[in-house]
Amino acid sequence: MIEFLNAPEDVIALAMSHKITGNDLDSIMERLESMMERGGKVHVFVETKHVDGIELSGLRRYMARALPLFGKLRRFGRVAVVSDQAWIRWGTRIESGLLPFIAYRVFEPAESGAALAWVKGERQ
């Protein structure tokens, strides 16, 4: 399940929990594609809580839509991932190493406010 959070127009902010469905992934891609059309940098805030799986049937469609974004990596700015699960924080650190043009930071749940402020550019 996902929930989009209020954020400035250059920030996609969302909270994810429990099982992530194909429809959830489609919603994220629709929002992201719309932001990319506007131009400028796109910053991302993702807070995960108790994620226990991703619906495999939606992954193929998601990957097909996400692949073109590799050509737009320099359009991504700050990405903050807040998670209560070590495996997500660990995976995010690996992803950040594979995508060096994007500024990634990983946060614990108690740091959620600081993470969102960093994504918005309100603090270093």
PDB file of N, CA and C in Angstrom:
ATOM      1  N   MET A   1       0.835  -1.172   0.000  1.00  0.00           N
ATOM      2  CA  MET A   1       0.000   0.000   0.000  1.00  0.00           C
ATOM      3  C   MET A   1       0.886   1.243   0.000  1.00  0.00           C
ATOM      4  N   ILE A   2       0.466   2.250  -0.768  1.00  0.00           N
ATOM      5  CA  ILE A   2       1.196   3.511  -0.750  1.00  0.00           C
ATOM      6  C   ILE A   2       0.252   4.655  -0.425  1.00  0.00           C
ATOM      7  N   GLU A   3       0.867   5.704   0.095  1.00  0.00           N
ATOM      8  CA  GLU A   3       0.148   6.936   0.377  1.00  0.00           C
ATOM      9  C   GLU A   3       1.058   8.082  -0.036  1.00  0.00           C
ATOM     10  N   PHE A   4       0.562   8.934  -0.925  1.00  0.00           N
ATOM     11  CA  PHE A   4       1.333  10.105  -1.317  1.00  0.00           C
ATOM     12  C   PHE A   4       1.195  11.164  -0.233  1.00  0.00           C
ATOM     13  N   LEU A   5       2.298  11.814   0.088  1.00  0.00           N
ATOM     14  CA  LEU A   5       2.344  12.829   1.133  1.00  0.00           C
ATOM     15  C   LEU A   5       2.415  14.215   0.502  1.00  0.00           C
ATOM     16  N   ASN A   6       1.949  15.222   1.210  1.00  0.00           N
ATOM     17  CA  ASN A   6       2.057  16.601   0.722  1.00  0.00           C
ATOM     18  C   ASN A   6       3.523  16.989   0.629  1.00  0.00           C
ATOM     19  N   ALA A   7       3.881  17.592  -0.509  1.00  0.00           N
ATOM     20  CA  ALA A   7       5.269  18.001  -0.726  1.00  0.00           C
ATOM     21  C   ALA A   7       5.292  19.068  -1.814  1.00  0.00           C
ATOM     22  N   PRO A   8       6.387  19.818  -1.897  1.00  0.00           N
ATOM     23  CA  PRO A   8       6.529  20.790  -2.985  1.00  0.00           C
ATOM     24  C   PRO A   8       6.449  20.090  -4.353  1.00  0.00           C
ATOM     25  N   GLU A   9       6.209  20.856  -5.398  1.00  0.00           N
ATOM     26  CA  GLU A   9       5.981  20.247  -6.714  1.00  0.00           C
ATOM     27  C   GLU A   9       7.213  19.554  -7.300  1.00  0.00           C
ATOM     28  N   ASP A  10       8.396  19.825  -6.779  1.00  0.00           N
ATOM     29  CA  ASP A  10       9.584  19.138  -7.289  1.00  0.00           C
ATOM     30  C   ASP A  10       9.957  17.918  -6.440  1.00  0.00           C
ATOM     31  N   VAL A  11       9.086  17.543  -5.486  1.00  0.00           N
ATOM     32  CA  VAL A  11       9.339  16.410  -4.598  1.00  0.00           C
ATOM     33  C   VAL A  11       8.196  15.405  -4.710  1.00  0.00           C
ATOM     34  N   ILE A  12       8.546  14.160  -4.945  1.00  0.00           N
ATOM     35  CA  ILE A  12       7.566  13.082  -4.835  1.00  0.00           C
ATOM     36  C   ILE A  12       7.808  12.458  -3.464  1.00  0.00           C
ATOM     37  N   ALA A  13       6.796  12.497  -2.632  1.00  0.00           N
ATOM     38  CA  ALA A  13       6.918  11.996  -1.259  1.00  0.00           C
ATOM     39  C   ALA A  13       5.836  10.953  -1.033  1.00  0.00           C
ATOM     40  N   LEU A  14       6.255   9.800  -0.536  1.00  0.00           N
ATOM     41  CA  LEU A  14       5.287   8.742  -0.307  1.00  0.00           C
ATOM     42  C   LEU A  14       5.677   7.851   0.842  1.00  0.00           C
ATOM     43  N   ALA A  15       4.650   7.234   1.409  1.00  0.00           N
ATOM     44  CA  ALA A  15       4.835   6.249   2.474  1.00  0.00           C
ATOM     45  C   ALA A  15       4.357   4.911   1.925  1.00  0.00           C
ATOM     46  N   MET A  16       5.161   3.884   2.129  1.00  0.00           N
ATOM     47  CA  MET A  16       4.839   2.541   1.657  1.00  0.00           C
ATOM     48  C   MET A  16       4.766   1.607   2.857  1.00  0.00           C
ATOM     49  N   SER A  17       3.795   0.697   2.816  1.00  0.00           N
ATOM     50  CA  SER A  17       3.697  -0.275   3.901  1.00  0.00           C
ATOM     51  C   SER A  17       3.072  -1.561   3.396  1.00  0.00           C
ATOM     52  N   HIS A  18       3.355  -2.606   4.116  1.00  0.00           N
ATOM     53  CA  HIS A  18       2.793  -3.939   3.867  1.00  0.00           C
ATOM     54  C   HIS A  18       3.079  -4.394   2.436  1.00  0.00           C
ATOM     55  N   LYS A  19       2.120  -4.879   1.716  1.00  0.00           N
ATOM     56  CA  LYS A  19       2.350  -5.396   0.368  1.00  0.00           C
ATOM     57  C   LYS A  19       2.214  -4.274  -0.663  1.00  0.00           C
ATOM     58  N   ILE A  20       3.214  -4.182  -1.544  1.00  0.00           N
ATOM     59  CA  ILE A  20       3.214  -3.195  -2.611  1.00  0.00           C
ATOM     60  C   ILE A  20       2.623  -3.873  -3.852  1.00  0.00           C
ATOM     61  N   THR A  21       1.561  -3.295  -4.387  1.00  0.00           N
ATOM     62  CA  THR A  21       0.859  -3.915  -5.524  1.00  0.00           C
ATOM     63  C   THR A  21       1.294  -3.290  -6.849  1.00  0.00           C
ATOM     64  N   GLY A  22       0.901  -3.942  -7.931  1.00  0.00           N
ATOM     65  CA  GLY A  22       1.151  -3.393  -9.257  1.00  0.00           C
ATOM     66  C   GLY A  22       0.488  -2.037  -9.433  1.00  0.00           C
ATOM     67  N   ASN A  23      -0.708  -1.867  -8.884  1.00  0.00           N
ATOM     68  CA  ASN A  23      -1.396  -0.576  -8.957  1.00  0.00           C
ATOM     69  C   ASN A  23      -0.632   0.501  -8.191  1.00  0.00           C
ATOM     70  N   ASP A  24      -0.022   0.126  -7.062  1.00  0.00           N
ATOM     71  CA  ASP A  24       0.810   1.068  -6.305  1.00  0.00           C
ATOM     72  C   ASP A  24       1.985   1.537  -7.167  1.00  0.00           C
ATOM     73  N   LEU A  25       2.650   0.582  -7.809  1.00  0.00           N
ATOM     74  CA  LEU A  25       3.801   0.913  -8.647  1.00  0.00           C
ATOM     75  C   LEU A  25       3.380   1.790  -9.824  1.00  0.00           C
ATOM     76  N   ASP A  26       2.212   1.497 -10.416  1.00  0.00           N
ATOM     77  CA  ASP A  26       1.700   2.327 -11.517  1.00  0.00           C
ATOM     78  C   ASP A  26       1.467   3.762 -11.043  1.00  0.00           C
ATOM     79  N   SER A  27       0.893   3.925  -9.855  1.00  0.00           N
ATOM     80  CA  SER A  27       0.641   5.270  -9.315  1.00  0.00           C
ATOM     81  C   SER A  27       1.937   6.046  -9.140  1.00  0.00           C
ATOM     82  N   ILE A  28       2.952   5.372  -8.650  1.00  0.00           N
ATOM     83  CA  ILE A  28       4.253   6.023  -8.472  1.00  0.00           C
ATOM     84  C   ILE A  28       4.814   6.456  -9.823  1.00  0.00           C
ATOM     85  N   MET A  29       4.764   5.565 -10.803  1.00  0.00           N
ATOM     86  CA  MET A  29       5.311   5.887 -12.122  1.00  0.00           C
ATOM     87  C   MET A  29       4.532   7.021 -12.778  1.00  0.00           C
ATOM     88  N   GLU A  30       3.224   7.038 -12.644  1.00  0.00           N
ATOM     89  CA  GLU A  30       2.427   8.122 -13.224  1.00  0.00           C
ATOM     90  C   GLU A  30       2.837   9.464 -12.636  1.00  0.00           C
ATOM     91  N   ARG A  31       2.986   9.507 -11.338  1.00  0.00           N
ATOM     92  CA  ARG A  31       3.384  10.752 -10.673  1.00  0.00           C
ATOM     93  C   ARG A  31       4.793  11.151 -11.112  1.00  0.00           C
ATOM     94  N   LEU A  32       5.706  10.201 -11.153  1.00  0.00           N
ATOM     95  CA  LEU A  32       7.087  10.479 -11.535  1.00  0.00           C
ATOM     96  C   LEU A  32       7.192  10.928 -12.986  1.00  0.00           C
ATOM     97  N   GLU A  33       6.492  10.262 -13.890  1.00  0.00           N
ATOM     98  CA  GLU A  33       6.525  10.652 -15.300  1.00  0.00           C
ATOM     99  C   GLU A  33       5.969  12.062 -15.488  1.00  0.00           C
ATOM    100  N   SER A  34       4.924  12.396 -14.771  1.00  0.00           N
ATOM    101  CA  SER A  34       4.341  13.731 -14.842  1.00  0.00           C
ATOM    102  C   SER A  34       5.344  14.778 -14.372  1.00  0.00           C
ATOM    103  N   MET A  35       6.049  14.482 -13.300  1.00  0.00           N
ATOM    104  CA  MET A  35       7.050  15.421 -12.777  1.00  0.00           C
ATOM    105  C   MET A  35       8.204  15.575 -13.756  1.00  0.00           C
ATOM    106  N   MET A  36       8.603  14.503 -14.405  1.00  0.00           N
ATOM    107  CA  MET A  36       9.703  14.553 -15.370  1.00  0.00           C
ATOM    108  C   MET A  36       9.335  15.422 -16.574  1.00  0.00           C
ATOM    109  N   GLU A  37       8.074  15.406 -16.960  1.00  0.00           N
ATOM    110  CA  GLU A  37       7.627  16.216 -18.093  1.00  0.00           C
ATOM    111  C   GLU A  37       7.751  17.705 -17.816  1.00  0.00           C
ATOM    112  N   ARG A  38       7.645  18.103 -16.564  1.00  0.00           N
ATOM    113  CA  ARG A  38       7.717  19.520 -16.197  1.00  0.00           C
ATOM    114  C   ARG A  38       9.118  20.096 -16.323  1.00  0.00           C
ATOM    115  N   GLY A  39      10.127  19.246 -16.270  1.00  0.00           N
ATOM    116  CA  GLY A  39      11.504  19.718 -16.325  1.00  0.00           C
ATOM    117  C   GLY A  39      12.059  19.984 -14.934  1.00  0.00           C
ATOM    118  N   GLY A  40      13.347  20.222 -14.854  1.00  0.00           N
ATOM    119  CA  GLY A  40      13.995  20.469 -13.571  1.00  0.00           C
ATOM    120  C   GLY A  40      14.295  19.184 -12.816  1.00  0.00           C
ATOM    121  N   LYS A  41      14.880  19.344 -11.648  1.00  0.00           N
ATOM    122  CA  LYS A  41      15.235  18.207 -10.794  1.00  0.00           C
ATOM    123  C   LYS A  41      13.993  17.648 -10.103  1.00  0.00           C
ATOM    124  N   VAL A  42      14.031  16.358  -9.878  1.00  0.00           N
ATOM    125  CA  VAL A  42      12.990  15.676  -9.123  1.00  0.00           C
ATOM    126  C   VAL A  42      13.653  15.073  -7.895  1.00  0.00           C
ATOM    127  N   HIS A  43      13.100  15.366  -6.724  1.00  0.00           N
ATOM    128  CA  HIS A  43      13.610  14.840  -5.471  1.00  0.00           C
ATOM    129  C   HIS A  43      12.600  13.830  -4.930  1.00  0.00           C
ATOM    130  N   VAL A  44      13.096  12.834  -4.197  1.00  0.00           N
ATOM    131  CA  VAL A  44      12.235  11.725  -3.776  1.00  0.00           C
ATOM    132  C   VAL A  44      12.390  11.465  -2.282  1.00  0.00           C
ATOM    133  N   PHE A  45      11.252  11.339  -1.616  1.00  0.00           N
ATOM    134  CA  PHE A  45      11.199  10.942  -0.209  1.00  0.00           C
ATOM    135  C   PHE A  45      10.334   9.696  -0.132  1.00  0.00           C
ATOM    136  N   VAL A  46      10.898   8.612   0.397  1.00  0.00           N
ATOM    137  CA  VAL A  46      10.154   7.367   0.563  1.00  0.00           C
ATOM    138  C   VAL A  46      10.307   6.908   2.003  1.00  0.00           C
ATOM    139  N   GLU A  47       9.178   6.701   2.654  1.00  0.00           N
ATOM    140  CA  GLU A  47       9.183   6.159   4.008  1.00  0.00           C
ATOM    141  C   GLU A  47       8.509   4.795   3.954  1.00  0.00           C
ATOM    142  N   THR A  48       9.227   3.774   4.383  1.00  0.00           N
ATOM    143  CA  THR A  48       8.652   2.430   4.381  1.00  0.00           C
ATOM    144  C   THR A  48       8.418   1.975   5.815  1.00  0.00           C
ATOM    145  N   LYS A  49       7.294   1.274   5.984  1.00  0.00           N
ATOM    146  CA  LYS A  49       6.947   0.729   7.299  1.00  0.00           C
ATOM    147  C   LYS A  49       6.430  -0.692   7.096  1.00  0.00           C
ATOM    148  N   HIS A  50       7.116  -1.629   7.646  1.00  0.00           N
ATOM    149  CA  HIS A  50       6.663  -3.023   7.643  1.00  0.00           C
ATOM    150  C   HIS A  50       6.369  -3.555   6.234  1.00  0.00           C
ATOM    151  N   VAL A  51       7.223  -3.263   5.266  1.00  0.00           N
ATOM    152  CA  VAL A  51       7.015  -3.802   3.919  1.00  0.00           C
ATOM    153  C   VAL A  51       7.252  -5.301   3.975  1.00  0.00           C
ATOM    154  N   ASP A  52       6.253  -6.056   3.536  1.00  0.00           N
ATOM    155  CA  ASP A  52       6.394  -7.512   3.593  1.00  0.00           C
ATOM    156  C   ASP A  52       6.301  -8.174   2.228  1.00  0.00           C
ATOM    157  N   GLY A  53       6.331  -7.392   1.166  1.00  0.00           N
ATOM    158  CA  GLY A  53       6.363  -8.000  -0.149  1.00  0.00           C
ATOM    159  C   GLY A  53       5.944  -7.056  -1.256  1.00  0.00           C
ATOM    160  N   ILE A  54       6.295  -7.473  -2.470  1.00  0.00           N
ATOM    161  CA  ILE A  54       5.922  -6.748  -3.681  1.00  0.00           C
ATOM    162  C   ILE A  54       5.207  -7.734  -4.585  1.00  0.00           C
ATOM    163  N   GLU A  55       4.087  -7.334  -5.110  1.00  0.00           N
ATOM    164  CA  GLU A  55       3.307  -8.161  -6.011  1.00  0.00           C
ATOM    165  C   GLU A  55       4.097  -8.381  -7.302  1.00  0.00           C
ATOM    166  N   LEU A  56       4.510  -9.594  -7.542  1.00  0.00           N
ATOM    167  CA  LEU A  56       5.364  -9.893  -8.688  1.00  0.00           C
ATOM    168  C   LEU A  56       4.687  -9.625 -10.022  1.00  0.00           C
ATOM    169  N   SER A  57       3.386  -9.776 -10.087  1.00  0.00           N
ATOM    170  CA  SER A  57       2.684  -9.585 -11.358  1.00  0.00           C
ATOM    171  C   SER A  57       2.808  -8.147 -11.871  1.00  0.00           C
ATOM    172  N   GLY A  58       3.041  -7.188 -11.005  1.00  0.00           N
ATOM    173  CA  GLY A  58       3.168  -5.798 -11.426  1.00  0.00           C
ATOM    174  C   GLY A  58       4.588  -5.377 -11.753  1.00  0.00           C
ATOM    175  N   LEU A  59       5.561  -6.204 -11.419  1.00  0.00           N
ATOM    176  CA  LEU A  59       6.962  -5.808 -11.610  1.00  0.00           C
ATOM    177  C   LEU A  59       7.358  -5.661 -13.077  1.00  0.00           C
ATOM    178  N   ARG A  60       6.881  -6.519 -13.945  1.00  0.00           N
ATOM    179  CA  ARG A  60       7.266  -6.447 -15.363  1.00  0.00           C
ATOM    180  C   ARG A  60       6.842  -5.104 -15.962  1.00  0.00           C
ATOM    181  N   ARG A  61       5.597  -4.726 -15.723  1.00  0.00           N
ATOM    182  CA  ARG A  61       5.076  -3.455 -16.238  1.00  0.00           C
ATOM    183  C   ARG A  61       5.852  -2.279 -15.632  1.00  0.00           C
ATOM    184  N   TYR A  62       6.148  -2.368 -14.332  1.00  0.00           N
ATOM    185  CA  TYR A  62       6.898  -1.317 -13.659  1.00  0.00           C
ATOM    186  C   TYR A  62       8.302  -1.175 -14.259  1.00  0.00           C
ATOM    187  N   MET A  63       8.971  -2.286 -14.446  1.00  0.00           N
ATOM    188  CA  MET A  63      10.332  -2.247 -14.995  1.00  0.00           C
ATOM    189  C   MET A  63      10.333  -1.666 -16.405  1.00  0.00           C
ATOM    190  N   ALA A  64       9.328  -2.016 -17.207  1.00  0.00           N
ATOM    191  CA  ALA A  64       9.240  -1.475 -18.565  1.00  0.00           C
ATOM    192  C   ALA A  64       9.081   0.042 -18.539  1.00  0.00           C
ATOM    193  N   ARG A  65       8.349   0.546 -17.567  1.00  0.00           N
ATOM    194  CA  ARG A  65       8.169   1.993 -17.459  1.00  0.00           C
ATOM    195  C   ARG A  65       9.370   2.665 -16.803  1.00  0.00           C
ATOM    196  N   ALA A  66      10.043   1.973 -15.911  1.00  0.00           N
ATOM    197  CA  ALA A  66      11.174   2.558 -15.186  1.00  0.00           C
ATOM    198  C   ALA A  66      12.453   2.585 -16.017  1.00  0.00           C
ATOM    199  N   LEU A  67      12.621   1.650 -16.932  1.00  0.00           N
ATOM    200  CA  LEU A  67      13.855   1.558 -17.720  1.00  0.00           C
ATOM    201  C   LEU A  67      14.214   2.863 -18.432  1.00  0.00           C
ATOM    202  N   PRO A  68      13.279   3.552 -19.077  1.00  0.00           N
ATOM    203  CA  PRO A  68      13.641   4.818 -19.735  1.00  0.00           C
ATOM    204  C   PRO A  68      14.183   5.880 -18.779  1.00  0.00           C
ATOM    205  N   LEU A  69      13.894   5.754 -17.493  1.00  0.00           N
ATOM    206  CA  LEU A  69      14.386   6.736 -16.533  1.00  0.00           C
ATOM    207  C   LEU A  69      15.900   6.678 -16.358  1.00  0.00           C
ATOM    208  N   PHE A  70      16.526   5.566 -16.747  1.00  0.00           N
ATOM    209  CA  PHE A  70      17.987   5.481 -16.651  1.00  0.00           C
ATOM    210  C   PHE A  70      18.653   6.537 -17.531  1.00  0.00           C
ATOM    211  N   GLY A  71      17.991   6.942 -18.595  1.00  0.00           N
ATOM    212  CA  GLY A  71      18.509   8.003 -19.450  1.00  0.00           C
ATOM    213  C   GLY A  71      18.312   9.387 -18.848  1.00  0.00           C
ATOM    214  N   LYS A  72      17.588   9.465 -17.758  1.00  0.00           N
ATOM    215  CA  LYS A  72      17.293  10.749 -17.113  1.00  0.00           C
ATOM    216  C   LYS A  72      17.843  10.806 -15.684  1.00  0.00           C
ATOM    217  N   LEU A  73      18.849  10.003 -15.382  1.00  0.00           N
ATOM    218  CA  LEU A  73      19.360   9.946 -14.012  1.00  0.00           C
ATOM    219  C   LEU A  73      19.816  11.298 -13.481  1.00  0.00           C
ATOM    220  N   ARG A  74      20.348  12.124 -14.342  1.00  0.00           N
ATOM    221  CA  ARG A  74      20.835  13.437 -13.890  1.00  0.00           C
ATOM    222  C   ARG A  74      19.696  14.377 -13.513  1.00  0.00           C
ATOM    223  N   ARG A  75      18.472  14.002 -13.820  1.00  0.00           N
ATOM    224  CA  ARG A  75      17.294  14.797 -13.445  1.00  0.00           C
ATOM    225  C   ARG A  75      16.877  14.556 -11.999  1.00  0.00           C
ATOM    226  N   PHE A  76      17.382  13.462 -11.411  1.00  0.00           N
ATOM    227  CA  PHE A  76      17.068  13.176 -10.015  1.00  0.00           C
ATOM    228  C   PHE A  76      18.032  13.948  -9.128  1.00  0.00           C
ATOM    229  N   GLY A  77      17.501  14.512  -8.062  1.00  0.00           N
ATOM    230  CA  GLY A  77      18.326  15.260  -7.107  1.00  0.00           C
ATOM    231  C   GLY A  77      18.534  14.451  -5.847  1.00  0.00           C
ATOM    232  N   ARG A  78      17.911  14.879  -4.777  1.00  0.00           N
ATOM    233  CA  ARG A  78      18.068  14.206  -3.489  1.00  0.00           C
ATOM    234  C   ARG A  78      17.024  13.090  -3.337  1.00  0.00           C
ATOM    235  N   VAL A  79      17.479  11.949  -2.846  1.00  0.00           N
ATOM    236  CA  VAL A  79      16.594  10.810  -2.573  1.00  0.00           C
ATOM    237  C   VAL A  79      16.821  10.380  -1.135  1.00  0.00           C
ATOM    238  N   ALA A  80      15.762  10.427  -0.344  1.00  0.00           N
ATOM    239  CA  ALA A  80      15.836   9.989   1.053  1.00  0.00           C
ATOM    240  C   ALA A  80      14.939   8.776   1.231  1.00  0.00           C
ATOM    241  N   VAL A  81      15.492   7.757   1.855  1.00  0.00           N
ATOM    242  CA  VAL A  81      14.720   6.558   2.174  1.00  0.00           C
ATOM    243  C   VAL A  81      14.742   6.394   3.692  1.00  0.00           C
ATOM    244  N   VAL A  82      13.555   6.388   4.267  1.00  0.00           N
ATOM    245  CA  VAL A  82      13.374   6.184   5.706  1.00  0.00           C
ATOM    246  C   VAL A  82      12.757   4.810   5.855  1.00  0.00           C
ATOM    247  N   SER A  83      13.399   3.959   6.648  1.00  0.00           N
ATOM    248  CA  SER A  83      12.850   2.607   6.771  1.00  0.00           C
ATOM    249  C   SER A  83      13.062   2.041   8.164  1.00  0.00           C
ATOM    250  N   ASP A  84      12.079   1.264   8.581  1.00  0.00           N
ATOM    251  CA  ASP A  84      12.181   0.545   9.846  1.00  0.00           C
ATOM    252  C   ASP A  84      12.790  -0.841   9.648  1.00  0.00           C
ATOM    253  N   GLN A  85      13.174  -1.162   8.410  1.00  0.00           N
ATOM    254  CA  GLN A  85      13.721  -2.484   8.110  1.00  0.00           C
ATOM    255  C   GLN A  85      15.150  -2.364   7.575  1.00  0.00           C
ATOM    256  N   ALA A  86      16.052  -3.092   8.198  1.00  0.00           N
ATOM    257  CA  ALA A  86      17.462  -3.026   7.826  1.00  0.00           C
ATOM    258  C   ALA A  86      17.697  -3.453   6.378  1.00  0.00           C
ATOM    259  N   TRP A  87      16.959  -4.439   5.884  1.00  0.00           N
ATOM    260  CA  TRP A  87      17.194  -4.913   4.520  1.00  0.00           C
ATOM    261  C   TRP A  87      16.866  -3.835   3.485  1.00  0.00           C
ATOM    262  N   ILE A  88      15.907  -2.983   3.762  1.00  0.00           N
ATOM    263  CA  ILE A  88      15.593  -1.888   2.834  1.00  0.00           C
ATOM    264  C   ILE A  88      16.681  -0.828   2.897  1.00  0.00           C
ATOM    265  N   ARG A  89      17.136  -0.483   4.097  1.00  0.00           N
ATOM    266  CA  ARG A  89      18.222   0.496   4.216  1.00  0.00           C
ATOM    267  C   ARG A  89      19.480  -0.028   3.526  1.00  0.00           C
ATOM    268  N   TRP A  90      19.786  -1.291   3.691  1.00  0.00           N
ATOM    269  CA  TRP A  90      20.957  -1.910   3.074  1.00  0.00           C
ATOM    270  C   TRP A  90      20.821  -1.885   1.548  1.00  0.00           C
ATOM    271  N   GLY A  91      19.643  -2.280   1.041  1.00  0.00           N
ATOM    272  CA  GLY A  91      19.406  -2.277  -0.397  1.00  0.00           C
ATOM    273  C   GLY A  91      19.505  -0.885  -1.001  1.00  0.00           C
ATOM    274  N   THR A  92      19.058   0.106  -0.268  1.00  0.00           N
ATOM    275  CA  THR A  92      19.140   1.485  -0.740  1.00  0.00           C
ATOM    276  C   THR A  92      20.595   1.927  -0.846  1.00  0.00           C
ATOM    277  N   ARG A  93      21.404   1.522   0.109  1.00  0.00           N
ATOM    278  CA  ARG A  93      22.834   1.873   0.051  1.00  0.00           C
ATOM    279  C   ARG A  93      23.499   1.243  -1.171  1.00  0.00           C
ATOM    280  N   ILE A  94      23.124   0.034  -1.507  1.00  0.00           N
ATOM    281  CA  ILE A  94      23.656  -0.611  -2.714  1.00  0.00           C
ATOM    282  C   ILE A  94      23.199   0.151  -3.951  1.00  0.00           C
ATOM    283  N   GLU A  95      21.908   0.473  -4.014  1.00  0.00           N
ATOM    284  CA  GLU A  95      21.371   1.216  -5.145  1.00  0.00           C
ATOM    285  C   GLU A  95      22.080   2.557  -5.302  1.00  0.00           C
ATOM    286  N   SER A  96      22.353   3.230  -4.201  1.00  0.00           N
ATOM    287  CA  SER A  96      23.021   4.533  -4.284  1.00  0.00           C
ATOM    288  C   SER A  96      24.421   4.397  -4.877  1.00  0.00           C
ATOM    289  N   GLY A  97      25.082   3.288  -4.616  1.00  0.00           N
ATOM    290  CA  GLY A  97      26.398   3.050  -5.201  1.00  0.00           C
ATOM    291  C   GLY A  97      26.337   2.790  -6.693  1.00  0.00           C
ATOM    292  N   LEU A  98      25.222   2.236  -7.151  1.00  0.00           N
ATOM    293  CA  LEU A  98      25.043   1.938  -8.572  1.00  0.00           C
ATOM    294  C   LEU A  98      24.576   3.157  -9.369  1.00  0.00           C
ATOM    295  N   LEU A  99      24.044   4.151  -8.696  1.00  0.00           N
ATOM    296  CA  LEU A  99      23.525   5.357  -9.355  1.00  0.00           C
ATOM    297  C   LEU A  99      24.235   6.583  -8.788  1.00  0.00           C
ATOM    298  N   PRO A 100      25.501   6.783  -9.185  1.00  0.00           N
ATOM    299  CA  PRO A 100      26.333   7.805  -8.541  1.00  0.00           C
ATOM    300  C   PRO A 100      25.921   9.247  -8.800  1.00  0.00           C
ATOM    301  N   PHE A 101      25.062   9.507  -9.762  1.00  0.00           N
ATOM    302  CA  PHE A 101      24.679  10.890 -10.055  1.00  0.00           C
ATOM    303  C   PHE A 101      23.567  11.392  -9.139  1.00  0.00           C
ATOM    304  N   ILE A 102      23.051  10.510  -8.294  1.00  0.00           N
ATOM    305  CA  ILE A 102      21.933  10.863  -7.431  1.00  0.00           C
ATOM    306  C   ILE A 102      22.423  10.923  -5.987  1.00  0.00           C
ATOM    307  N   ALA A 103      22.004  11.947  -5.255  1.00  0.00           N
ATOM    308  CA  ALA A 103      22.382  12.095  -3.847  1.00  0.00           C
ATOM    309  C   ALA A 103      21.400  11.302  -2.987  1.00  0.00           C
ATOM    310  N   TYR A 104      21.837  10.181  -2.476  1.00  0.00           N
ATOM    311  CA  TYR A 104      21.019   9.318  -1.632  1.00  0.00           C
ATOM    312  C   TYR A 104      21.401   9.480  -0.172  1.00  0.00           C
ATOM    313  N   ARG A 105      20.402   9.390   0.693  1.00  0.00           N
ATOM    314  CA  ARG A 105      20.647   9.269   2.131  1.00  0.00           C
ATOM    315  C   ARG A 105      19.620   8.295   2.694  1.00  0.00           C
ATOM    316  N   VAL A 106      20.064   7.534   3.665  1.00  0.00           N
ATOM    317  CA  VAL A 106      19.216   6.539   4.318  1.00  0.00           C
ATOM    318  C   VAL A 106      19.014   6.976   5.764  1.00  0.00           C
ATOM    319  N   PHE A 107      17.774   6.862   6.239  1.00  0.00           N
ATOM    320  CA  PHE A 107      17.425   7.340   7.572  1.00  0.00           C
ATOM    321  C   PHE A 107      16.653   6.287   8.352  1.00  0.00           C
ATOM    322  N   GLU A 108      16.776   6.357   9.658  1.00  0.00           N
ATOM    323  CA  GLU A 108      15.972   5.546  10.581  1.00  0.00           C
ATOM    324  C   GLU A 108      14.627   6.246  10.762  1.00  0.00           C
ATOM    325  N   PRO A 109      13.588   5.537  11.212  1.00  0.00           N
ATOM    326  CA  PRO A 109      12.269   6.155  11.386  1.00  0.00           C
ATOM    327  C   PRO A 109      12.258   7.413  12.266  1.00  0.00           C
ATOM    328  N   ALA A 110      13.062   7.460  13.301  1.00  0.00           N
ATOM    329  CA  ALA A 110      13.097   8.627  14.182  1.00  0.00           C
ATOM    330  C   ALA A 110      13.619   9.877  13.472  1.00  0.00           C
ATOM    331  N   GLU A 111      14.237   9.700  12.317  1.00  0.00           N
ATOM    332  CA  GLU A 111      14.820  10.810  11.565  1.00  0.00           C
ATOM    333  C   GLU A 111      13.951  11.248  10.385  1.00  0.00           C
ATOM    334  N   SER A 112      12.712  10.811  10.349  1.00  0.00           N
ATOM    335  CA  SER A 112      11.830  11.076   9.216  1.00  0.00           C
ATOM    336  C   SER A 112      11.708  12.567   8.890  1.00  0.00           C
ATOM    337  N   GLY A 113      11.510  13.396   9.897  1.00  0.00           N
ATOM    338  CA  GLY A 113      11.387  14.838   9.672  1.00  0.00           C
ATOM    339  C   GLY A 113      12.646  15.435   9.066  1.00  0.00           C
ATOM    340  N   ALA A 114      13.792  15.003   9.564  1.00  0.00           N
ATOM    341  CA  ALA A 114      15.069  15.483   9.028  1.00  0.00           C
ATOM    342  C   ALA A 114      15.249  15.022   7.583  1.00  0.00           C
ATOM    343  N   ALA A 115      14.808  13.808   7.286  1.00  0.00           N
ATOM    344  CA  ALA A 115      14.923  13.273   5.926  1.00  0.00           C
ATOM    345  C   ALA A 115      14.095  14.102   4.947  1.00  0.00           C
ATOM    346  N   LEU A 116      12.866  14.399   5.318  1.00  0.00           N
ATOM    347  CA  LEU A 116      12.005  15.195   4.443  1.00  0.00           C
ATOM    348  C   LEU A 116      12.560  16.607   4.277  1.00  0.00           C
ATOM    349  N   ALA A 117      13.061  17.200   5.341  1.00  0.00           N
ATOM    350  CA  ALA A 117      13.670  18.531   5.251  1.00  0.00           C
ATOM    351  C   ALA A 117      14.875  18.510   4.314  1.00  0.00           C
ATOM    352  N   TRP A 118      15.685  17.451   4.366  1.00  0.00           N
ATOM    353  CA  TRP A 118      16.848  17.339   3.480  1.00  0.00           C
ATOM    354  C   TRP A 118      16.407  17.228   2.029  1.00  0.00           C
ATOM    355  N   VAL A 119      15.402  16.398   1.760  1.00  0.00           N
ATOM    356  CA  VAL A 119      14.904  16.239   0.386  1.00  0.00           C
ATOM    357  C   VAL A 119      14.386  17.570  -0.156  1.00  0.00           C
ATOM    358  N   LYS A 120      13.702  18.318   0.683  1.00  0.00           N
ATOM    359  CA  LYS A 120      13.168  19.627   0.260  1.00  0.00           C
ATOM    360  C   LYS A 120      14.262  20.684   0.098  1.00  0.00           C
ATOM    361  N   GLY A 121      15.481  20.381   0.550  1.00  0.00           N
ATOM    362  CA  GLY A 121      16.572  21.334   0.454  1.00  0.00           C
ATOM    363  C   GLY A 121      16.612  22.313   1.606  1.00  0.00           C
ATOM    364  N   GLU A 122      15.915  22.002   2.689  1.00  0.00           N
ATOM    365  CA  GLU A 122      15.856  22.891   3.850  1.00  0.00           C
ATOM    366  C   GLU A 122      17.025  22.708   4.801  1.00  0.00           C
ATOM    367  N   ARG A 123      17.751  21.634   4.660  1.00  0.00           N
ATOM    368  CA  ARG A 123      18.928  21.427   5.505  1.00  0.00           C
ATOM    369  C   ARG A 123      19.926  20.566   4.763  1.00  0.00           C
ATOM    370  N   GLN A 124      21.182  20.708   5.163  1.00  0.00           N
ATOM    371  CA  GLN A 124      22.281  19.961   4.539  1.00  0.00           C
ATOM    372  C   GLN A 124      22.381  18.660   5.178  1.00  0.00           C
TER     373      GLN A 124
END
